Amino acid sequence: MALFYVTYDLRAPGRDYRRLGDRLMQLGGRPVLESVWAVKLDATARQLFDDLRGYIDQNDRLLVINSADSAWTTNTLADPNKL
C-alpha cells in the first residue's frame, strides 16, 4: 500500500465540495490539514488523481503526492502514519 497526500485549491465561490471530502473518506482518507488529506491505497498517484478529478471543477487545483516515507507532523487533524 502507498501513502498519498492530496491537496487542493477549490476556486469556485459558493460551491458545495462535500462530494470531494466524502470521496476521500470512502477511500479511507483522513484530513491532516484543512485542505490536505492522507490516503493509503493500493493504487498509483495517477489512478487516485484521475478518480478525484471527477469531484472538482475544471478550474480547481489538485495535487496528489505518493509519499515514500512516513510523515512527521504536529497538531494535525489526523496522524497519517496511523492510516
C-alpha atoms as a PDB file:
ATOM      1  CA  MET A   1       0.000   0.000   0.000  1.00  0.00           C
ATOM      2  CA  ALA A   2       1.144   3.519  -0.754  1.00  0.00           C
ATOM      3  CA  LEU A   3       0.577   6.616   1.352  1.00  0.00           C
ATOM      4  CA  PHE A   4      -0.645   9.578  -0.678  1.00  0.00           C
ATOM      5  CA  TYR A   5      -1.131  13.198   0.204  1.00  0.00           C
ATOM      6  CA  VAL A   6      -3.911  15.037  -1.601  1.00  0.00           C
ATOM      7  CA  THR A   7      -4.143  18.804  -1.525  1.00  0.00           C
ATOM      8  CA  TYR A   8      -6.379  21.134  -3.456  1.00  0.00           C
ATOM      9  CA  ASP A   9      -7.429  24.725  -4.102  1.00  0.00           C
ATOM     10  CA  LEU A  10     -11.160  24.934  -4.715  1.00  0.00           C
ATOM     11  CA  ARG A  11     -11.710  28.146  -6.595  1.00  0.00           C
ATOM     12  CA  ALA A  12     -15.425  28.400  -7.366  1.00  0.00           C
ATOM     13  CA  PRO A  13     -17.106  30.513  -4.659  1.00  0.00           C
ATOM     14  CA  GLY A  14     -20.357  29.244  -3.235  1.00  0.00           C
ATOM     15  CA  ARG A  15     -19.913  25.665  -4.448  1.00  0.00           C
ATOM     16  CA  ASP A  16     -20.502  22.614  -2.291  1.00  0.00           C
ATOM     17  CA  TYR A  17     -17.374  20.466  -2.220  1.00  0.00           C
ATOM     18  CA  ARG A  18     -18.572  17.899   0.291  1.00  0.00           C
ATOM     19  CA  ARG A  19     -18.509  15.318  -2.505  1.00  0.00           C
ATOM     20  CA  LEU A  20     -14.708  15.565  -2.662  1.00  0.00           C
ATOM     21  CA  GLY A  21     -14.367  15.079   1.096  1.00  0.00           C
ATOM     22  CA  ASP A  22     -16.914  12.259   1.013  1.00  0.00           C
ATOM     23  CA  ARG A  23     -14.964  10.515  -1.754  1.00  0.00           C
ATOM     24  CA  LEU A  24     -11.689  10.840   0.146  1.00  0.00           C
ATOM     25  CA  MET A  25     -13.377   9.375   3.242  1.00  0.00           C
ATOM     26  CA  GLN A  26     -14.751   6.472   1.144  1.00  0.00           C
ATOM     27  CA  LEU A  27     -11.188   5.751   0.080  1.00  0.00           C
ATOM     28  CA  GLY A  28     -10.110   5.634   3.726  1.00  0.00           C
ATOM     29  CA  GLY A  29      -8.555   9.088   3.718  1.00  0.00           C
ATOM     30  CA  ARG A  30      -8.409  11.477   6.629  1.00  0.00           C
ATOM     31  CA  PRO A  31      -7.795  15.231   6.654  1.00  0.00           C
ATOM     32  CA  VAL A  32      -4.455  16.197   8.171  1.00  0.00           C
ATOM     33  CA  LEU A  33      -4.763  19.936   7.471  1.00  0.00           C
ATOM     34  CA  GLU A  34      -7.731  21.969   6.224  1.00  0.00           C
ATOM     35  CA  SER A  35      -7.176  21.127   2.554  1.00  0.00           C
ATOM     36  CA  VAL A  36      -4.624  18.318   2.841  1.00  0.00           C
ATOM     37  CA  TRP A  37      -5.673  14.693   3.153  1.00  0.00           C
ATOM     38  CA  ALA A  38      -3.706  11.488   3.671  1.00  0.00           C
ATOM     39  CA  VAL A  39      -4.906   8.330   1.906  1.00  0.00           C
ATOM     40  CA  LYS A  40      -3.413   4.822   1.969  1.00  0.00           C
ATOM     41  CA  LEU A  41      -4.289   2.772  -1.132  1.00  0.00           C
ATOM     42  CA  ASP A  42      -3.163   0.023  -3.457  1.00  0.00           C
ATOM     43  CA  ALA A  43      -3.044   2.387  -6.420  1.00  0.00           C
ATOM     44  CA  THR A  44      -0.805   4.791  -8.272  1.00  0.00           C
ATOM     45  CA  ALA A  45      -0.802   8.538  -7.821  1.00  0.00           C
ATOM     46  CA  ARG A  46      -2.199   8.841 -11.352  1.00  0.00           C
ATOM     47  CA  GLN A  47      -5.098   6.485 -10.579  1.00  0.00           C
ATOM     48  CA  LEU A  48      -6.010   8.457  -7.460  1.00  0.00           C
ATOM     49  CA  PHE A  49      -5.672  11.757  -9.323  1.00  0.00           C
ATOM     50  CA  ASP A  50      -7.938  10.547 -12.143  1.00  0.00           C
ATOM     51  CA  ASP A  51     -10.523   9.338  -9.619  1.00  0.00           C
ATOM     52  CA  LEU A  52     -10.623  12.636  -7.709  1.00  0.00           C
ATOM     53  CA  ARG A  53     -10.790  14.872 -10.783  1.00  0.00           C
ATOM     54  CA  GLY A  54     -14.441  13.947 -11.143  1.00  0.00           C
ATOM     55  CA  TYR A  55     -15.191  15.635  -7.804  1.00  0.00           C
ATOM     56  CA  ILE A  56     -13.772  19.101  -8.537  1.00  0.00           C
ATOM     57  CA  ASP A  57     -14.401  21.882 -11.041  1.00  0.00           C
ATOM     58  CA  GLN A  58     -12.278  22.349 -14.150  1.00  0.00           C
ATOM     59  CA  ASN A  59     -10.567  25.483 -12.777  1.00  0.00           C
ATOM     60  CA  ASP A  60      -9.749  23.945  -9.347  1.00  0.00           C
ATOM     61  CA  ARG A  61      -6.252  22.786  -8.454  1.00  0.00           C
ATOM     62  CA  LEU A  62      -5.397  19.261  -7.340  1.00  0.00           C
ATOM     63  CA  LEU A  63      -2.072  17.753  -6.249  1.00  0.00           C
ATOM     64  CA  VAL A  64      -1.559  14.063  -5.429  1.00  0.00           C
ATOM     65  CA  ILE A  65       1.804  13.038  -3.956  1.00  0.00           C
ATOM     66  CA  ASN A  66       2.997   9.488  -3.359  1.00  0.00           C
ATOM     67  CA  SER A  67       4.916   9.546  -0.070  1.00  0.00           C
ATOM     68  CA  ALA A  68       7.950   7.304   0.022  1.00  0.00           C
ATOM     69  CA  ASP A  69       8.339   7.652   3.794  1.00  0.00           C
ATOM     70  CA  SER A  70       6.342   8.238   6.942  1.00  0.00           C
ATOM     71  CA  ALA A  71       5.313  11.751   7.872  1.00  0.00           C
ATOM     72  CA  TRP A  72       6.473  13.951  10.710  1.00  0.00           C
ATOM     73  CA  THR A  73       3.577  16.050  11.953  1.00  0.00           C
ATOM     74  CA  THR A  74       2.423  18.291  14.746  1.00  0.00           C
ATOM     75  CA  ASN A  75      -1.080  19.457  15.599  1.00  0.00           C
ATOM     76  CA  THR A  76      -2.587  17.761  12.555  1.00  0.00           C
ATOM     77  CA  LEU A  77      -6.222  16.697  12.404  1.00  0.00           C
ATOM     78  CA  ALA A  78      -5.180  13.046  11.915  1.00  0.00           C
ATOM     79  CA  ASP A  79      -1.894  11.163  12.051  1.00  0.00           C
ATOM     80  CA  PRO A  80      -1.132   9.902   8.530  1.00  0.00           C
ATOM     81  CA  ASN A  81       1.193   7.260   9.993  1.00  0.00           C
ATOM     82  CA  LYS A  82      -1.833   5.567  11.596  1.00  0.00           C
ATOM     83  CA  LEU A  83      -3.978   5.113   8.484  1.00  0.00           C
END
